[in-house]
Each structure stands twice: as structure tokens, then as C-alpha cells.
Amino acid sequence: MAALIETDLKVGSPAELAEHYYPNGRLGGLSIQGKAPGALGQLVLLKVDVVRPSRQFVLRGQLAWVRHKSGGPTQPTGFGIDFLPEDDATRVRLLAFARAEVSSDATRVEQRQQVELKVRMVHEGRQRKELVADLSTGGAFVRSWNPLPVGAKVELSLRLPLTFSALELKGHVAWVRLAGEHPGMGIEFVHEDEGARAKLEKVLMKLAR
């Protein structure tokens, strides 16, 4: 297995971040100026910093191409990092933020854990079973081919790994993504019970380890 290397991309705004996106390949990726940090095919831990509004995204990708010689001001030396399917939730949030498809408040800086947890959602008395793809103290990304509308209030019963207990949470749909391989909805939690928030923080710490 190729070694994991680290690199970063710093931009001033969401619009500038969108300019680094390219659609080539299975899921597209981000182009970065400068010398490539490794060999083609290597896995990359990419840290993306946006100055205003202040946001940080951390995702795994793969070094897909390298431009060794400058082709002028419009084609400087650089390299491209392709998005990977296993980190699709981060890709979805990053592109939604870059394209101003959602409120910037829906992509606050929080430590998120990539997960694959079953969740039972209740909306207006109706239950549905979905899959949580990433999780933080402030919210979650729920994969769904039939996402609820923005603003919909939901109750979630999250099945925790290595335990028979469930975590009960409340929130609302902050944003929706219909395109792409993994459509779904971003849920923003409303912590009416600080005990539930504390339990969620403990869960996230265990998942990080």
C-alpha cells in the first residue's frame, strides 16, 4: 500500500476554492500549484484552509497528475489530487461550500469522523432508515437518495458501534445534495440536552482512537 503523504491548500474565499476544482476522473479533484509532494498514485492527506469565512476541510485523496513545466500564467507547475469514494462526505461538503450551494454556517469548522453508522430518522411522525457517513458534535452527513427538504426537523436514533445502546439526537436539515454518487443531507444538531452532547463527544473520541 502506498504511504500516506500530507499537503495543504490555502485559499482566500469559497470562490477561489471552486477555481481549484477539476471534474476529470471518477469524482474530480483539486489542483494545487507547486512541486508535487510525492509520486503518482500515492495517497494524500489534504488540508484545505479557507481564510474568509474561516473553514478547514481535511480529506484523503490520491495524487493523480503532475505538471512539471509551466505552460504560462494559466498553466503553472502543479499537481492534482483526486477525491476518493471513501471520503465522499467531505468532498460533498467542500464542494457545496465552494459553490455557495449552502449557507456557510452549515459548514462550520468542527472535527468530523468518517463513519458508517445506521440511523433511524423520524420526521413528522414517519420513520426511515438511513446511513450516517460523517459525524461531529454539531451535525452529520446522512446519505439518502430521497433527502428531506432544508429546514425539516428530525429526530435521530443513532446506532453506536460495539454497543447495544443508541444515541438520541434532534436537529434539522441544514443543506441538501442531490447530485453526485452519494446524495444526501447535512443535519445540524440542536442540543437541548447537554447530556446527549457530552455522550456524543465521548463517542467521537472513541471513534478517533
N, C-alpha and C. Protein backbone atom coordinates (compact mmCIF):
# COMPACT_ATOMS: atom_id res chain seq x y z
N MET A 1 0.84 -1.19 0.00
CA MET A 1 0.00 0.00 0.00
C MET A 1 0.89 1.25 0.00
N ALA A 2 0.53 2.23 -0.82
CA ALA A 2 1.31 3.46 -0.90
C ALA A 2 1.27 4.22 0.41
N ALA A 3 2.39 4.86 0.76
CA ALA A 3 2.47 5.61 2.01
C ALA A 3 1.60 6.85 1.93
N LEU A 4 1.05 7.25 3.07
CA LEU A 4 0.21 8.44 3.14
C LEU A 4 1.10 9.67 3.30
N ILE A 5 0.95 10.64 2.40
CA ILE A 5 1.71 11.87 2.47
C ILE A 5 0.77 13.02 2.75
N GLU A 6 1.30 14.14 3.24
CA GLU A 6 0.47 15.28 3.61
C GLU A 6 0.81 16.49 2.74
N THR A 7 -0.20 17.27 2.42
CA THR A 7 -0.02 18.54 1.72
C THR A 7 -1.20 19.43 2.06
N ASP A 8 -1.10 20.71 1.69
CA ASP A 8 -2.19 21.62 2.03
C ASP A 8 -2.48 22.60 0.90
N LEU A 9 -3.66 23.18 0.99
CA LEU A 9 -4.11 24.19 0.03
C LEU A 9 -4.76 25.31 0.82
N LYS A 10 -4.28 26.53 0.65
CA LYS A 10 -4.84 27.69 1.34
C LYS A 10 -5.40 28.66 0.32
N VAL A 11 -6.66 29.04 0.50
CA VAL A 11 -7.33 29.96 -0.42
C VAL A 11 -8.01 31.06 0.39
N GLY A 12 -8.32 32.16 -0.29
CA GLY A 12 -8.91 33.30 0.40
C GLY A 12 -10.41 33.24 0.57
N SER A 13 -11.10 32.51 -0.33
CA SER A 13 -12.56 32.54 -0.30
C SER A 13 -13.12 31.26 -0.90
N PRO A 14 -14.41 30.99 -0.71
CA PRO A 14 -15.03 29.83 -1.35
C PRO A 14 -14.93 29.87 -2.87
N ALA A 15 -15.08 31.05 -3.46
CA ALA A 15 -14.99 31.18 -4.92
C ALA A 15 -13.61 30.78 -5.42
N GLU A 16 -12.58 31.16 -4.67
CA GLU A 16 -11.21 30.79 -5.05
C GLU A 16 -11.01 29.28 -4.93
N LEU A 17 -11.63 28.69 -3.91
CA LEU A 17 -11.55 27.24 -3.75
C LEU A 17 -12.20 26.54 -4.94
N ALA A 18 -13.34 27.06 -5.41
CA ALA A 18 -14.04 26.46 -6.55
C ALA A 18 -13.17 26.47 -7.80
N GLU A 19 -12.29 27.47 -7.94
CA GLU A 19 -11.43 27.56 -9.11
C GLU A 19 -10.40 26.44 -9.15
N HIS A 20 -10.12 25.83 -8.01
CA HIS A 20 -9.14 24.74 -7.95
C HIS A 20 -9.75 23.39 -8.29
N TYR A 21 -11.08 23.34 -8.38
CA TYR A 21 -11.75 22.06 -8.66
C TYR A 21 -11.65 21.71 -10.14
N TYR A 22 -11.40 20.42 -10.42
CA TYR A 22 -11.46 19.93 -11.81
C TYR A 22 -12.37 18.69 -11.83
N PRO A 23 -13.15 18.51 -12.91
CA PRO A 23 -14.13 17.42 -12.96
C PRO A 23 -13.59 16.11 -13.50
N ASN A 24 -12.34 16.07 -13.93
CA ASN A 24 -11.79 14.85 -14.54
C ASN A 24 -11.76 13.71 -13.55
N GLY A 25 -11.78 12.49 -14.07
CA GLY A 25 -11.72 11.32 -13.22
C GLY A 25 -13.10 10.94 -12.70
N ARG A 26 -13.13 10.00 -11.76
CA ARG A 26 -14.39 9.46 -11.27
C ARG A 26 -15.17 10.50 -10.47
N LEU A 27 -14.47 11.19 -9.56
CA LEU A 27 -15.14 12.16 -8.69
C LEU A 27 -14.57 13.57 -8.81
N GLY A 28 -13.56 13.74 -9.67
CA GLY A 28 -12.92 15.05 -9.77
C GLY A 28 -11.86 15.20 -8.69
N GLY A 29 -11.35 16.41 -8.55
CA GLY A 29 -10.30 16.65 -7.57
C GLY A 29 -9.95 18.11 -7.47
N LEU A 30 -8.83 18.40 -6.81
CA LEU A 30 -8.36 19.76 -6.62
C LEU A 30 -6.95 19.91 -7.18
N SER A 31 -6.72 20.99 -7.92
CA SER A 31 -5.39 21.28 -8.46
C SER A 31 -4.66 22.21 -7.50
N ILE A 32 -3.36 22.01 -7.35
CA ILE A 32 -2.56 22.79 -6.41
C ILE A 32 -1.27 23.21 -7.12
N GLN A 33 -0.87 24.45 -6.97
CA GLN A 33 0.36 24.93 -7.58
C GLN A 33 1.57 24.48 -6.75
N GLY A 34 2.69 24.31 -7.45
CA GLY A 34 3.92 23.96 -6.76
C GLY A 34 4.39 22.56 -7.09
N LYS A 35 5.40 22.12 -6.35
CA LYS A 35 6.00 20.81 -6.56
C LYS A 35 5.17 19.72 -5.92
N ALA A 36 4.99 18.62 -6.62
CA ALA A 36 4.22 17.51 -6.09
C ALA A 36 4.89 16.94 -4.85
N PRO A 37 4.12 16.59 -3.83
CA PRO A 37 4.69 16.10 -2.57
C PRO A 37 5.12 14.64 -2.62
N GLY A 38 4.83 13.94 -3.71
CA GLY A 38 5.20 12.53 -3.79
C GLY A 38 5.04 12.00 -5.20
N ALA A 39 4.95 10.68 -5.30
CA ALA A 39 4.84 10.03 -6.60
C ALA A 39 3.38 9.84 -6.98
N LEU A 40 3.14 9.72 -8.28
CA LEU A 40 1.79 9.49 -8.76
C LEU A 40 1.21 8.21 -8.14
N GLY A 41 -0.05 8.30 -7.75
CA GLY A 41 -0.71 7.16 -7.14
C GLY A 41 -0.67 7.12 -5.64
N GLN A 42 0.21 7.94 -5.05
CA GLN A 42 0.30 7.93 -3.59
C GLN A 42 -0.95 8.54 -2.95
N LEU A 43 -1.33 8.00 -1.79
CA LEU A 43 -2.45 8.53 -1.03
C LEU A 43 -2.02 9.80 -0.31
N VAL A 44 -2.93 10.77 -0.26
CA VAL A 44 -2.60 12.09 0.26
C VAL A 44 -3.61 12.50 1.32
N LEU A 45 -3.11 13.07 2.41
CA LEU A 45 -3.97 13.71 3.40
C LEU A 45 -3.92 15.21 3.09
N LEU A 46 -5.00 15.72 2.55
CA LEU A 46 -5.05 17.11 2.09
C LEU A 46 -5.79 17.99 3.10
N LYS A 47 -5.13 19.05 3.53
CA LYS A 47 -5.74 20.02 4.44
C LYS A 47 -6.05 21.29 3.65
N VAL A 48 -7.31 21.64 3.59
CA VAL A 48 -7.75 22.82 2.85
C VAL A 48 -8.16 23.90 3.84
N ASP A 49 -7.51 25.06 3.78
CA ASP A 49 -7.83 26.18 4.65
C ASP A 49 -8.42 27.31 3.83
N VAL A 50 -9.59 27.80 4.24
CA VAL A 50 -10.23 28.95 3.62
C VAL A 50 -10.16 30.10 4.62
N VAL A 51 -9.67 31.26 4.16
CA VAL A 51 -9.45 32.40 5.06
C VAL A 51 -10.76 33.03 5.51
N ARG A 52 -11.65 33.33 4.56
CA ARG A 52 -12.89 34.04 4.90
C ARG A 52 -14.06 33.56 4.05
N PRO A 53 -15.09 32.99 4.70
CA PRO A 53 -15.18 32.70 6.12
C PRO A 53 -14.23 31.57 6.50
N SER A 54 -13.73 31.61 7.72
CA SER A 54 -12.73 30.65 8.15
C SER A 54 -13.29 29.23 8.19
N ARG A 55 -12.72 28.35 7.36
CA ARG A 55 -13.13 26.95 7.32
C ARG A 55 -11.92 26.08 7.07
N GLN A 56 -11.98 24.86 7.56
CA GLN A 56 -10.92 23.90 7.28
C GLN A 56 -11.55 22.55 6.94
N PHE A 57 -11.06 21.95 5.87
CA PHE A 57 -11.50 20.62 5.47
C PHE A 57 -10.28 19.72 5.42
N VAL A 58 -10.40 18.53 5.94
CA VAL A 58 -9.33 17.54 5.88
C VAL A 58 -9.88 16.30 5.19
N LEU A 59 -9.25 15.91 4.10
CA LEU A 59 -9.76 14.77 3.35
C LEU A 59 -8.62 13.94 2.78
N ARG A 60 -8.94 12.70 2.47
CA ARG A 60 -7.98 11.80 1.84
C ARG A 60 -8.19 11.80 0.33
N GLY A 61 -7.09 11.82 -0.40
CA GLY A 61 -7.16 11.80 -1.85
C GLY A 61 -6.00 11.01 -2.42
N GLN A 62 -5.82 11.10 -3.72
CA GLN A 62 -4.74 10.38 -4.40
C GLN A 62 -4.08 11.30 -5.42
N LEU A 63 -2.76 11.32 -5.40
CA LEU A 63 -2.01 12.15 -6.34
C LEU A 63 -2.21 11.60 -7.75
N ALA A 64 -2.92 12.37 -8.57
CA ALA A 64 -3.39 11.84 -9.87
C ALA A 64 -2.57 12.32 -11.06
N TRP A 65 -2.07 13.54 -11.01
CA TRP A 65 -1.30 14.05 -12.15
C TRP A 65 -0.33 15.13 -11.67
N VAL A 66 0.71 15.37 -12.49
CA VAL A 66 1.74 16.37 -12.17
C VAL A 66 2.07 17.14 -13.44
N ARG A 67 2.14 18.47 -13.32
CA ARG A 67 2.58 19.31 -14.43
C ARG A 67 3.95 19.86 -14.06
N HIS A 68 5.01 19.33 -14.70
CA HIS A 68 6.37 19.69 -14.33
C HIS A 68 6.84 21.01 -14.92
N LYS A 69 6.29 21.39 -16.09
CA LYS A 69 6.71 22.62 -16.74
C LYS A 69 5.54 23.57 -16.88
N SER A 70 5.80 24.83 -16.66
CA SER A 70 4.76 25.84 -16.75
C SER A 70 4.37 26.07 -18.20
N GLY A 71 3.05 26.18 -18.41
CA GLY A 71 2.57 26.47 -19.76
C GLY A 71 2.11 27.91 -19.86
N GLY A 72 2.65 28.77 -19.01
CA GLY A 72 2.26 30.17 -18.99
C GLY A 72 1.47 30.48 -17.74
N PRO A 73 1.00 31.73 -17.63
CA PRO A 73 0.27 32.16 -16.44
C PRO A 73 -0.96 31.32 -16.12
N THR A 74 -1.59 30.76 -17.16
CA THR A 74 -2.82 29.99 -16.95
C THR A 74 -2.54 28.52 -16.65
N GLN A 75 -1.29 28.07 -16.85
CA GLN A 75 -0.94 26.69 -16.58
C GLN A 75 0.40 26.61 -15.85
N PRO A 76 0.43 27.00 -14.58
CA PRO A 76 1.67 26.95 -13.81
C PRO A 76 2.00 25.51 -13.42
N THR A 77 3.22 25.29 -12.97
CA THR A 77 3.57 23.96 -12.48
C THR A 77 2.66 23.61 -11.31
N GLY A 78 2.33 22.36 -11.20
CA GLY A 78 1.43 21.98 -10.13
C GLY A 78 1.07 20.51 -10.20
N PHE A 79 0.07 20.12 -9.43
CA PHE A 79 -0.35 18.72 -9.37
C PHE A 79 -1.83 18.66 -9.01
N GLY A 80 -2.41 17.49 -9.21
CA GLY A 80 -3.82 17.31 -8.92
C GLY A 80 -4.05 16.16 -7.95
N ILE A 81 -4.98 16.36 -7.05
CA ILE A 81 -5.34 15.33 -6.09
C ILE A 81 -6.79 14.92 -6.34
N ASP A 82 -6.97 13.67 -6.73
CA ASP A 82 -8.31 13.15 -6.99
C ASP A 82 -9.02 12.83 -5.67
N PHE A 83 -10.32 13.10 -5.62
CA PHE A 83 -11.13 12.70 -4.47
C PHE A 83 -11.29 11.18 -4.48
N LEU A 84 -11.45 10.60 -3.29
CA LEU A 84 -11.66 9.17 -3.15
C LEU A 84 -13.08 8.87 -2.70
N PRO A 85 -13.67 7.77 -3.18
CA PRO A 85 -15.06 7.43 -2.81
C PRO A 85 -15.26 7.27 -1.31
N GLU A 86 -14.26 6.75 -0.58
CA GLU A 86 -14.46 6.50 0.84
C GLU A 86 -14.53 7.78 1.67
N ASP A 87 -14.16 8.92 1.10
CA ASP A 87 -14.27 10.19 1.82
C ASP A 87 -15.22 11.11 1.09
N ASP A 88 -16.28 10.54 0.54
CA ASP A 88 -17.19 11.32 -0.30
C ASP A 88 -17.96 12.36 0.50
N ALA A 89 -18.22 12.09 1.79
CA ALA A 89 -18.97 13.05 2.59
C ALA A 89 -18.22 14.38 2.70
N THR A 90 -16.90 14.31 2.90
CA THR A 90 -16.11 15.54 2.97
C THR A 90 -16.09 16.25 1.63
N ARG A 91 -15.97 15.48 0.55
CA ARG A 91 -15.99 16.09 -0.79
C ARG A 91 -17.29 16.84 -1.03
N VAL A 92 -18.40 16.23 -0.64
CA VAL A 92 -19.71 16.86 -0.84
C VAL A 92 -19.80 18.18 -0.09
N ARG A 93 -19.37 18.17 1.20
CA ARG A 93 -19.43 19.39 2.00
C ARG A 93 -18.50 20.47 1.44
N LEU A 94 -17.31 20.07 1.02
CA LEU A 94 -16.34 21.03 0.49
C LEU A 94 -16.86 21.69 -0.77
N LEU A 95 -17.39 20.91 -1.71
CA LEU A 95 -17.87 21.48 -2.96
C LEU A 95 -19.14 22.31 -2.76
N ALA A 96 -20.00 21.88 -1.85
CA ALA A 96 -21.21 22.67 -1.57
C ALA A 96 -20.82 24.03 -1.01
N PHE A 97 -19.81 24.05 -0.16
CA PHE A 97 -19.31 25.31 0.41
C PHE A 97 -18.65 26.17 -0.66
N ALA A 98 -17.81 25.54 -1.51
CA ALA A 98 -17.10 26.29 -2.54
C ALA A 98 -18.04 26.91 -3.56
N ARG A 99 -19.13 26.23 -3.86
CA ARG A 99 -20.08 26.70 -4.87
C ARG A 99 -21.20 27.54 -4.29
N ALA A 100 -21.11 27.82 -2.98
CA ALA A 100 -22.13 28.62 -2.29
C ALA A 100 -23.51 28.01 -2.44
N GLU A 101 -23.58 26.68 -2.45
CA GLU A 101 -24.85 25.99 -2.56
C GLU A 101 -25.57 25.91 -1.22
N VAL A 102 -24.82 26.13 -0.14
CA VAL A 102 -25.40 26.08 1.20
C VAL A 102 -24.91 27.28 1.98
N SER A 103 -25.58 27.58 3.09
CA SER A 103 -25.14 28.63 3.99
C SER A 103 -23.78 28.27 4.56
N SER A 104 -22.91 29.26 4.70
CA SER A 104 -21.59 28.99 5.26
C SER A 104 -21.69 28.49 6.70
N ASP A 105 -22.80 28.79 7.38
CA ASP A 105 -22.98 28.31 8.75
C ASP A 105 -23.13 26.80 8.79
N ALA A 106 -23.51 26.21 7.68
CA ALA A 106 -23.72 24.76 7.65
C ALA A 106 -22.42 23.99 7.51
N THR A 107 -21.30 24.68 7.33
CA THR A 107 -20.00 24.01 7.20
C THR A 107 -19.01 24.58 8.20
N ARG A 108 -19.46 24.73 9.43
CA ARG A 108 -18.60 25.27 10.47
C ARG A 108 -17.40 24.35 10.70
N VAL A 109 -16.31 24.95 11.22
CA VAL A 109 -15.11 24.17 11.48
C VAL A 109 -15.33 23.29 12.70
N GLU A 110 -15.38 21.99 12.48
CA GLU A 110 -15.52 21.03 13.55
C GLU A 110 -14.78 19.77 13.17
N GLN A 111 -14.28 19.07 14.19
CA GLN A 111 -13.62 17.80 13.92
C GLN A 111 -14.68 16.76 13.56
N ARG A 112 -14.59 16.22 12.37
CA ARG A 112 -15.57 15.24 11.92
C ARG A 112 -14.91 13.88 11.78
N GLN A 113 -15.68 12.86 12.09
CA GLN A 113 -15.23 11.49 11.96
C GLN A 113 -15.94 10.82 10.80
N GLN A 114 -15.17 10.19 9.92
CA GLN A 114 -15.77 9.40 8.86
C GLN A 114 -16.30 8.11 9.47
N VAL A 115 -17.58 7.84 9.29
CA VAL A 115 -18.20 6.68 9.91
C VAL A 115 -19.11 5.99 8.90
N GLU A 116 -19.68 4.89 9.30
CA GLU A 116 -20.71 4.21 8.53
C GLU A 116 -21.66 3.60 9.55
N LEU A 117 -22.59 4.42 10.03
CA LEU A 117 -23.47 4.02 11.11
C LEU A 117 -24.93 4.08 10.67
N LYS A 118 -25.68 3.10 11.07
CA LYS A 118 -27.10 3.09 10.78
C LYS A 118 -27.82 4.09 11.67
N VAL A 119 -28.81 4.77 11.10
CA VAL A 119 -29.56 5.75 11.87
C VAL A 119 -31.05 5.62 11.54
N ARG A 120 -31.86 5.73 12.57
CA ARG A 120 -33.31 5.78 12.37
C ARG A 120 -33.75 7.22 12.52
N MET A 121 -34.35 7.77 11.48
CA MET A 121 -34.79 9.16 11.47
C MET A 121 -36.30 9.23 11.54
N VAL A 122 -36.78 10.19 12.32
CA VAL A 122 -38.22 10.41 12.42
C VAL A 122 -38.51 11.84 12.00
N HIS A 123 -39.40 11.99 11.01
CA HIS A 123 -39.80 13.31 10.52
C HIS A 123 -41.31 13.33 10.37
N GLU A 124 -41.94 14.22 11.13
CA GLU A 124 -43.40 14.35 11.11
C GLU A 124 -44.08 13.01 11.36
N GLY A 125 -43.54 12.27 12.32
CA GLY A 125 -44.13 11.00 12.71
C GLY A 125 -43.78 9.82 11.84
N ARG A 126 -43.08 10.04 10.75
CA ARG A 126 -42.72 8.95 9.84
C ARG A 126 -41.26 8.55 10.05
N GLN A 127 -41.01 7.25 10.08
CA GLN A 127 -39.67 6.74 10.30
C GLN A 127 -39.02 6.32 8.98
N ARG A 128 -37.70 6.46 8.95
CA ARG A 128 -36.93 6.00 7.80
C ARG A 128 -35.55 5.60 8.29
N LYS A 129 -34.95 4.62 7.62
CA LYS A 129 -33.61 4.16 7.98
C LYS A 129 -32.62 4.63 6.92
N GLU A 130 -31.55 5.25 7.40
CA GLU A 130 -30.53 5.79 6.51
C GLU A 130 -29.14 5.42 7.04
N LEU A 131 -28.12 6.01 6.45
CA LEU A 131 -26.74 5.74 6.84
C LEU A 131 -25.99 7.05 7.07
N VAL A 132 -25.36 7.19 8.24
CA VAL A 132 -24.56 8.37 8.55
C VAL A 132 -23.14 8.15 8.03
N ALA A 133 -22.63 9.11 7.22
CA ALA A 133 -21.31 8.97 6.61
C ALA A 133 -20.24 9.78 7.32
N ASP A 134 -20.61 10.87 7.98
CA ASP A 134 -19.65 11.56 8.85
C ASP A 134 -20.41 12.20 10.00
N LEU A 135 -19.67 12.42 11.10
CA LEU A 135 -20.31 12.80 12.35
C LEU A 135 -19.44 13.76 13.12
N SER A 136 -20.05 14.78 13.72
CA SER A 136 -19.35 15.72 14.59
C SER A 136 -20.30 16.12 15.71
N THR A 137 -19.82 16.91 16.66
CA THR A 137 -20.70 17.37 17.73
C THR A 137 -21.77 18.29 17.21
N GLY A 138 -21.53 18.94 16.07
CA GLY A 138 -22.51 19.89 15.54
C GLY A 138 -23.47 19.34 14.52
N GLY A 139 -23.14 18.18 13.93
CA GLY A 139 -24.03 17.66 12.90
C GLY A 139 -23.52 16.39 12.26
N ALA A 140 -24.18 15.99 11.19
CA ALA A 140 -23.83 14.76 10.50
C ALA A 140 -24.23 14.87 9.04
N PHE A 141 -23.58 14.06 8.21
CA PHE A 141 -23.99 13.93 6.82
C PHE A 141 -24.67 12.58 6.68
N VAL A 142 -25.92 12.58 6.25
CA VAL A 142 -26.72 11.37 6.10
C VAL A 142 -26.90 11.08 4.62
N ARG A 143 -26.42 9.94 4.19
CA ARG A 143 -26.60 9.57 2.80
C ARG A 143 -28.04 9.16 2.55
N SER A 144 -28.62 9.64 1.48
CA SER A 144 -30.01 9.32 1.18
C SER A 144 -30.31 9.66 -0.27
N TRP A 145 -31.02 8.75 -0.95
CA TRP A 145 -31.44 9.02 -2.32
C TRP A 145 -32.70 9.88 -2.33
N ASN A 146 -33.29 10.07 -1.16
CA ASN A 146 -34.51 10.87 -1.07
C ASN A 146 -34.41 11.80 0.15
N PRO A 147 -33.50 12.78 0.10
CA PRO A 147 -33.29 13.64 1.25
C PRO A 147 -34.51 14.52 1.56
N LEU A 148 -34.65 14.86 2.83
CA LEU A 148 -35.72 15.74 3.26
C LEU A 148 -35.42 17.18 2.85
N PRO A 149 -36.41 18.04 2.81
CA PRO A 149 -36.16 19.44 2.42
C PRO A 149 -35.40 20.21 3.50
N VAL A 150 -34.70 21.25 3.07
CA VAL A 150 -33.98 22.11 4.02
C VAL A 150 -34.96 22.69 5.03
N GLY A 151 -34.57 22.65 6.29
CA GLY A 151 -35.41 23.16 7.36
C GLY A 151 -36.23 22.10 8.06
N ALA A 152 -36.33 20.91 7.49
CA ALA A 152 -37.13 19.84 8.09
C ALA A 152 -36.55 19.44 9.44
N LYS A 153 -37.41 19.35 10.44
CA LYS A 153 -36.97 18.94 11.77
C LYS A 153 -36.98 17.43 11.87
N VAL A 154 -35.93 16.89 12.48
CA VAL A 154 -35.79 15.44 12.55
C VAL A 154 -35.34 15.01 13.95
N GLU A 155 -35.66 13.78 14.28
CA GLU A 155 -35.15 13.11 15.47
C GLU A 155 -34.36 11.91 14.99
N LEU A 156 -33.18 11.72 15.55
CA LEU A 156 -32.32 10.65 15.10
C LEU A 156 -32.01 9.70 16.24
N SER A 157 -32.04 8.42 15.93
CA SER A 157 -31.61 7.39 16.86
C SER A 157 -30.43 6.69 16.21
N LEU A 158 -29.24 7.01 16.70
CA LEU A 158 -28.00 6.57 16.07
C LEU A 158 -27.48 5.31 16.73
N ARG A 159 -27.31 4.26 15.96
CA ARG A 159 -26.77 3.01 16.48
C ARG A 159 -25.27 3.12 16.61
N LEU A 160 -24.78 2.94 17.84
CA LEU A 160 -23.35 3.12 18.12
C LEU A 160 -22.59 1.81 17.93
N PRO A 161 -21.33 1.88 17.48
CA PRO A 161 -20.55 0.66 17.27
C PRO A 161 -20.17 0.02 18.60
N LEU A 162 -20.09 -1.30 18.61
CA LEU A 162 -19.65 -2.08 19.76
C LEU A 162 -20.51 -1.85 21.00
N THR A 163 -21.78 -1.55 20.80
CA THR A 163 -22.69 -1.35 21.92
C THR A 163 -24.11 -1.60 21.46
N PHE A 164 -24.99 -1.94 22.41
CA PHE A 164 -26.40 -2.16 22.08
C PHE A 164 -27.23 -0.89 22.29
N SER A 165 -26.59 0.17 22.78
CA SER A 165 -27.32 1.40 23.06
C SER A 165 -27.41 2.28 21.82
N ALA A 166 -28.32 3.23 21.87
CA ALA A 166 -28.50 4.18 20.78
C ALA A 166 -28.39 5.60 21.33
N LEU A 167 -27.94 6.52 20.49
CA LEU A 167 -27.82 7.92 20.87
C LEU A 167 -28.98 8.68 20.25
N GLU A 168 -29.78 9.32 21.10
CA GLU A 168 -30.95 10.07 20.62
C GLU A 168 -30.59 11.54 20.44
N LEU A 169 -30.80 12.06 19.24
CA LEU A 169 -30.43 13.43 18.91
C LEU A 169 -31.57 14.11 18.15
N LYS A 170 -31.60 15.45 18.24
CA LYS A 170 -32.57 16.24 17.49
C LYS A 170 -31.82 17.24 16.60
N GLY A 171 -32.45 17.61 15.51
CA GLY A 171 -31.81 18.57 14.63
C GLY A 171 -32.72 18.96 13.47
N HIS A 172 -32.12 19.60 12.49
CA HIS A 172 -32.87 19.97 11.28
C HIS A 172 -31.96 19.86 10.08
N VAL A 173 -32.54 19.74 8.91
CA VAL A 173 -31.78 19.63 7.67
C VAL A 173 -31.23 21.01 7.31
N ALA A 174 -29.91 21.13 7.29
CA ALA A 174 -29.26 22.41 7.00
C ALA A 174 -28.98 22.59 5.52
N TRP A 175 -28.73 21.50 4.82
CA TRP A 175 -28.45 21.57 3.39
C TRP A 175 -28.69 20.21 2.75
N VAL A 176 -28.87 20.22 1.44
CA VAL A 176 -29.19 19.01 0.71
C VAL A 176 -28.29 18.92 -0.52
N ARG A 177 -27.86 17.70 -0.81
CA ARG A 177 -27.05 17.45 -2.01
C ARG A 177 -27.73 16.36 -2.83
N LEU A 178 -28.19 16.70 -4.05
CA LEU A 178 -28.90 15.74 -4.87
C LEU A 178 -28.02 15.11 -5.94
N ALA A 179 -26.96 15.81 -6.35
CA ALA A 179 -26.10 15.32 -7.42
C ALA A 179 -24.97 14.47 -6.84
N GLY A 180 -24.26 13.80 -7.73
CA GLY A 180 -23.10 13.03 -7.31
C GLY A 180 -23.43 11.59 -7.01
N GLU A 181 -22.38 10.83 -6.70
CA GLU A 181 -22.54 9.40 -6.45
C GLU A 181 -23.25 9.12 -5.13
N HIS A 182 -23.05 10.01 -4.14
CA HIS A 182 -23.64 9.80 -2.83
C HIS A 182 -24.45 11.04 -2.41
N PRO A 183 -25.68 11.16 -2.87
CA PRO A 183 -26.51 12.30 -2.44
C PRO A 183 -26.91 12.13 -0.99
N GLY A 184 -27.40 13.20 -0.40
CA GLY A 184 -27.82 13.12 1.00
C GLY A 184 -28.12 14.48 1.57
N MET A 185 -28.08 14.56 2.89
CA MET A 185 -28.44 15.80 3.57
C MET A 185 -27.55 16.04 4.77
N GLY A 186 -27.24 17.31 5.00
CA GLY A 186 -26.46 17.71 6.16
C GLY A 186 -27.41 18.06 7.31
N ILE A 187 -27.24 17.38 8.43
CA ILE A 187 -28.08 17.61 9.59
C ILE A 187 -27.33 18.45 10.62
N GLU A 188 -27.95 19.53 11.06
CA GLU A 188 -27.39 20.34 12.13
C GLU A 188 -28.11 19.98 13.42
N PHE A 189 -27.34 19.56 14.44
CA PHE A 189 -27.94 19.13 15.69
C PHE A 189 -28.41 20.32 16.52
N VAL A 190 -29.47 20.09 17.28
CA VAL A 190 -29.95 21.04 18.27
C VAL A 190 -29.85 20.33 19.62
N HIS A 191 -28.86 20.72 20.42
CA HIS A 191 -28.59 20.02 21.68
C HIS A 191 -29.42 20.63 22.81
N GLU A 192 -30.63 20.12 22.96
CA GLU A 192 -31.46 20.57 24.08
C GLU A 192 -31.00 19.93 25.38
N ASP A 193 -30.38 18.76 25.27
CA ASP A 193 -29.90 18.02 26.42
C ASP A 193 -28.37 17.98 26.38
N GLU A 194 -27.72 18.67 27.32
CA GLU A 194 -26.26 18.69 27.34
C GLU A 194 -25.68 17.30 27.60
N GLY A 195 -26.48 16.44 28.22
CA GLY A 195 -26.03 15.08 28.45
C GLY A 195 -25.82 14.34 27.14
N ALA A 196 -26.72 14.58 26.19
CA ALA A 196 -26.60 13.94 24.87
C ALA A 196 -25.37 14.45 24.14
N ARG A 197 -25.09 15.75 24.28
CA ARG A 197 -23.90 16.30 23.63
C ARG A 197 -22.63 15.70 24.23
N ALA A 198 -22.60 15.58 25.56
CA ALA A 198 -21.43 15.00 26.23
C ALA A 198 -21.23 13.55 25.81
N LYS A 199 -22.33 12.81 25.66
CA LYS A 199 -22.24 11.42 25.22
C LYS A 199 -21.72 11.34 23.80
N LEU A 200 -22.17 12.27 22.96
CA LEU A 200 -21.71 12.30 21.57
C LEU A 200 -20.21 12.60 21.51
N GLU A 201 -19.74 13.52 22.34
CA GLU A 201 -18.31 13.84 22.37
C GLU A 201 -17.48 12.63 22.76
N LYS A 202 -17.98 11.83 23.73
CA LYS A 202 -17.26 10.63 24.14
C LYS A 202 -17.21 9.62 23.00
N VAL A 203 -18.32 9.49 22.28
CA VAL A 203 -18.37 8.59 21.13
C VAL A 203 -17.35 9.00 20.07
N LEU A 204 -17.27 10.30 19.80
CA LEU A 204 -16.33 10.80 18.79
C LEU A 204 -14.89 10.55 19.21
N MET A 205 -14.61 10.69 20.49
CA MET A 205 -13.25 10.43 20.99
C MET A 205 -12.89 8.95 20.79
N LYS A 206 -13.85 8.06 21.05
CA LYS A 206 -13.58 6.63 20.86
C LYS A 206 -13.36 6.30 19.38
N LEU A 207 -14.18 6.91 18.53
CA LEU A 207 -14.03 6.67 17.09
C LEU A 207 -12.70 7.18 16.58
N ALA A 208 -12.23 8.30 17.12
CA ALA A 208 -10.93 8.86 16.70
C ALA A 208 -9.78 7.94 17.06
N ARG A 209 -9.94 7.22 18.17
CA ARG A 209 -8.87 6.31 18.59
C ARG A 209 -8.90 5.00 17.82
